Amino acid sequence: MERLIKAETGRQFLLRSLEPEDYSKGFLKLLEQLTVVGEVSKELFDERLQQLQILQDDHHVAVIEDVEAKVVVAAGSIFIEKKFVHNCSKVGHIEDVVVDQTLRGQHLGQRLIESLVEYGKSSGCYKVILDCSEENIKFYSACGFSRKEVQMAKYF
């Protein structure tokens, strides 16, 4: 799944799966640009990564690493839900998409979304869905998504 991305600036990035070393490469710090992460020790990070690896193809976390700086600069995940509808088909849920604020506008987010959508498609999903804020509708529309229905949430 690894793929080299060359930005217009000449900078090189590597699109790949999340690895244990990404704890020290700023993965959680990057996620803090998206939401509250909390206190996650290296041990807790490794434990969660092992839990996700048990799910095998049903959960995939993709990252983009700056090759020179060895820092994670973008991330997103897709969870594959097995359904009864549509002949027991599958749906991909994209979550936690973030690009480092200093690198936005360089098409890294688009490349990340393309890879997550392709992962869903190759996993046999009949659709891939995501939730986003109003200010991100334009970005996801440019990635081929269309607005549909309304999201509701109940937090605990």
Protein backbone atom coordinates (compact mmCIF):
# COMPACT_ATOMS: atom_id res chain seq x y z
CA MET A 1 0.00 0.00 0.00
CA GLU A 2 3.03 2.27 0.24
CA ARG A 3 3.12 5.03 -2.34
CA LEU A 4 5.57 7.88 -2.81
CA ILE A 5 4.01 11.32 -3.32
CA LYS A 6 6.01 14.17 -4.77
CA ALA A 7 4.62 17.63 -4.00
CA GLU A 8 4.83 20.53 -6.43
CA THR A 9 7.52 21.97 -4.15
CA GLY A 10 9.67 18.88 -4.76
CA ARG A 11 9.15 17.63 -1.23
CA GLN A 12 8.59 13.88 -0.95
CA PHE A 13 5.96 12.16 1.16
CA LEU A 14 5.19 8.51 1.78
CA LEU A 15 1.58 7.30 1.96
CA ARG A 16 1.44 4.11 4.03
CA SER A 17 -0.24 2.25 6.88
CA LEU A 18 0.13 3.35 10.50
CA GLU A 19 3.14 1.78 12.24
CA PRO A 20 4.26 1.54 15.90
CA GLU A 21 7.08 4.04 15.18
CA ASP A 22 4.48 6.70 14.32
CA TYR A 23 4.01 7.36 18.02
CA SER A 24 7.39 9.12 18.01
CA LYS A 25 6.78 10.60 14.54
CA GLY A 26 4.03 12.90 15.81
CA PHE A 27 0.89 10.93 14.89
CA LEU A 28 -0.98 11.86 18.09
CA LYS A 29 0.22 15.47 17.95
CA LEU A 30 -1.19 15.66 14.43
CA LEU A 31 -4.54 14.29 15.61
CA GLU A 32 -4.64 17.09 18.20
CA GLN A 33 -5.13 19.48 15.25
CA LEU A 34 -8.44 17.66 14.71
CA THR A 35 -9.80 16.89 18.17
CA VAL A 36 -8.98 16.08 21.79
CA VAL A 37 -6.59 13.14 22.01
CA GLY A 38 -5.88 13.00 25.74
CA GLU A 39 -2.95 11.36 27.48
CA VAL A 40 -1.90 8.37 25.38
CA SER A 41 1.26 6.61 26.51
CA LYS A 42 3.44 4.59 24.12
CA GLU A 43 2.14 1.42 25.81
CA LEU A 44 -1.49 2.45 25.29
CA PHE A 45 -0.75 3.44 21.69
CA ASP A 46 0.86 0.05 20.99
CA GLU A 47 -2.04 -1.77 22.66
CA ARG A 48 -4.60 0.08 20.54
CA LEU A 49 -2.60 -0.57 17.37
CA GLN A 50 -2.52 -4.30 18.19
CA GLN A 51 -6.31 -4.26 18.74
CA LEU A 52 -6.77 -2.65 15.34
CA GLN A 53 -4.44 -5.17 13.70
CA ILE A 54 -6.66 -7.99 15.04
CA LEU A 55 -9.49 -6.50 12.97
CA GLN A 56 -7.24 -7.03 9.92
CA ASP A 57 -8.91 -5.67 6.78
CA ASP A 58 -11.91 -4.23 8.66
CA HIS A 59 -9.96 -1.24 10.00
CA HIS A 60 -7.22 0.64 8.22
CA VAL A 61 -5.32 3.73 9.32
CA ALA A 62 -3.36 5.51 6.59
CA VAL A 63 -0.70 8.12 7.20
CA ILE A 64 1.42 10.39 5.07
CA GLU A 65 4.97 10.86 6.31
CA ASP A 66 7.33 13.65 5.31
CA VAL A 67 10.25 11.53 4.03
CA GLU A 68 12.97 14.03 4.93
CA ALA A 69 11.63 15.19 8.30
CA LYS A 70 10.37 11.70 9.31
CA VAL A 71 7.17 13.22 10.68
CA VAL A 72 3.55 12.14 10.12
CA VAL A 73 1.85 15.07 8.37
CA ALA A 74 -1.53 13.57 7.42
CA ALA A 75 -3.73 10.73 8.62
CA GLY A 76 -7.13 9.16 8.20
CA SER A 77 -8.88 5.88 8.84
CA ILE A 78 -11.54 3.69 7.31
CA PHE A 79 -13.66 1.16 9.17
CA ILE A 80 -15.46 -1.52 7.14
CA GLU A 81 -18.96 -2.24 8.45
CA LYS A 82 -20.53 -5.55 7.46
CA LYS A 83 -24.21 -5.06 6.65
CA PHE A 84 -27.30 -7.20 6.13
CA VAL A 85 -28.70 -4.80 3.53
CA HIS A 86 -27.61 -4.78 -0.10
CA ASN A 87 -27.11 -8.57 -0.06
CA CYS A 88 -24.95 -8.54 3.07
CA SER A 89 -22.64 -5.96 1.57
CA LYS A 90 -20.17 -3.62 3.28
CA VAL A 91 -19.91 0.12 3.93
CA GLY A 92 -16.69 2.02 4.52
CA HIS A 93 -16.72 4.74 7.19
CA ILE A 94 -13.95 7.33 6.84
CA GLU A 95 -12.94 9.00 10.10
CA ASP A 96 -10.29 11.21 11.69
CA VAL A 97 -8.93 12.81 8.53
CA VAL A 98 -6.36 15.51 9.23
CA VAL A 99 -3.54 17.24 7.34
CA ASP A 100 -0.97 19.30 9.21
CA GLN A 101 -2.10 22.90 9.08
CA THR A 102 1.24 24.02 7.61
CA LEU A 103 0.85 21.68 4.62
CA ARG A 104 -2.79 22.17 3.66
CA GLY A 105 -3.39 23.08 0.05
CA GLN A 106 -0.72 20.71 -1.30
CA HIS A 107 -3.23 17.97 -2.23
CA LEU A 108 -2.10 15.63 0.57
CA GLY A 109 -5.66 15.40 1.90
CA GLN A 110 -6.96 14.54 -1.54
CA ARG A 111 -4.37 11.78 -1.94
CA LEU A 112 -5.23 10.45 1.49
CA ILE A 113 -8.97 10.39 0.75
CA GLU A 114 -8.36 8.72 -2.63
CA SER A 115 -6.40 5.95 -0.91
CA LEU A 116 -9.09 5.43 1.75
CA VAL A 117 -11.84 5.32 -0.88
CA GLU A 118 -9.82 2.84 -2.94
CA TYR A 119 -9.31 0.72 0.18
CA GLY A 120 -13.09 0.65 0.70
CA LYS A 121 -13.74 -0.19 -2.93
CA SER A 122 -11.17 -2.99 -2.97
CA SER A 123 -12.68 -4.32 0.28
CA GLY A 124 -16.02 -4.79 -1.49
CA CYS A 125 -17.87 -1.79 -0.08
CA TYR A 126 -20.90 -0.61 -2.01
CA LYS A 127 -20.35 2.91 -0.64
CA VAL A 128 -17.95 4.93 1.46
CA ILE A 129 -19.34 7.60 3.78
CA LEU A 130 -18.01 10.25 6.14
CA ASP A 131 -19.15 13.09 8.35
CA CYS A 132 -17.61 16.52 8.08
CA SER A 133 -18.04 20.07 9.27
CA GLU A 134 -19.69 22.71 7.09
CA GLU A 135 -16.33 24.28 6.28
CA ASN A 136 -15.01 20.99 4.85
CA ILE A 137 -17.92 20.34 2.46
CA LYS A 138 -16.10 22.01 -0.45
CA PHE A 139 -13.01 19.83 0.08
CA TYR A 140 -14.95 16.56 0.23
CA SER A 141 -17.09 17.59 -2.75
CA ALA A 142 -13.86 18.06 -4.72
CA CYS A 143 -12.94 14.51 -3.66
CA GLY A 144 -16.16 13.18 -5.24
CA PHE A 145 -18.43 13.07 -2.19
CA SER A 146 -21.91 14.57 -2.19
CA ARG A 147 -23.99 15.87 0.67
CA LYS A 148 -26.69 13.40 1.75
CA GLU A 149 -29.07 13.43 4.69
CA VAL A 150 -28.21 14.69 8.17
CA GLN A 151 -25.82 13.41 10.81
CA MET A 152 -27.05 13.11 14.39
CA ALA A 153 -24.92 12.40 17.43
CA LYS A 154 -25.30 11.68 21.13
CA TYR A 155 -22.19 12.10 23.24
CA PHE A 156 -21.49 10.47 26.62
